[in-house]
Amino acid sequence: MDGLTNVLSDEHQNILKVIKSLKKECKEIEAGKPVDQEYFAMAIDFIRNYADKFHHAKEEDILFKAMCGDGVEMHCNPTDQMLHEHDLGRVLVKKMEIGLNENDSKKIVENALGYALLLEDHIFKEDNILYPMASQSLPPEMQESVKEQFTAVEAEKFTPEMKEKYLQMINDFEQRT
């Protein structure tokens, strides 16, 4: 991985820590443990704010647009598939939230595991296919522009307090695994 996508891959590692915890929690519910409402509310908050509004915003609004821009040549462009998977993830999280509101453990587990499996596969594809393609295809000046935009989005969308909150959440999730 190079400097262009390092920050995104690092964020993937944080998301995967939460996914690991989510899978463990679901396994315990399937074994008879009651649903921990606070845990799943925290997971939904993390997914919606860190994974989606913070991480996916950089991919969707900056990297994917750059990869679809003029002067970028690729033999194929997987960004449409990645966008589709982001949307599928949002649907699964919404259904998980509905299950939580209905206190329906089956719906919570089904959608949480669906999200976890989708994201594991999705992150693998981005880290091993999409990001290397971006590094190879984007001209150096465009790569610099993308990195600068990432930095600007981080400063705009993620205050130091928010960053601390979500890093603490990641730590809390990791403690449960």
Foldseek 3Di string as FASTA:
>chain_A
DDPLCPVLLVLLVLLLLLLVLLLVLLVVVVVPDADDLVSLVLSLVCCVQSVPVQNVCLCPVALLDLCVDPQFDDPDACVVVLVVLSVVLVVLSVQLVVCSVVSPSVSNSVSSNVNSVSSVVSSCCCVPPVVVSSVVGGPPVSSVVSSVVSVVSCVVRPPPVNVVVSVVVSVVSNVSD
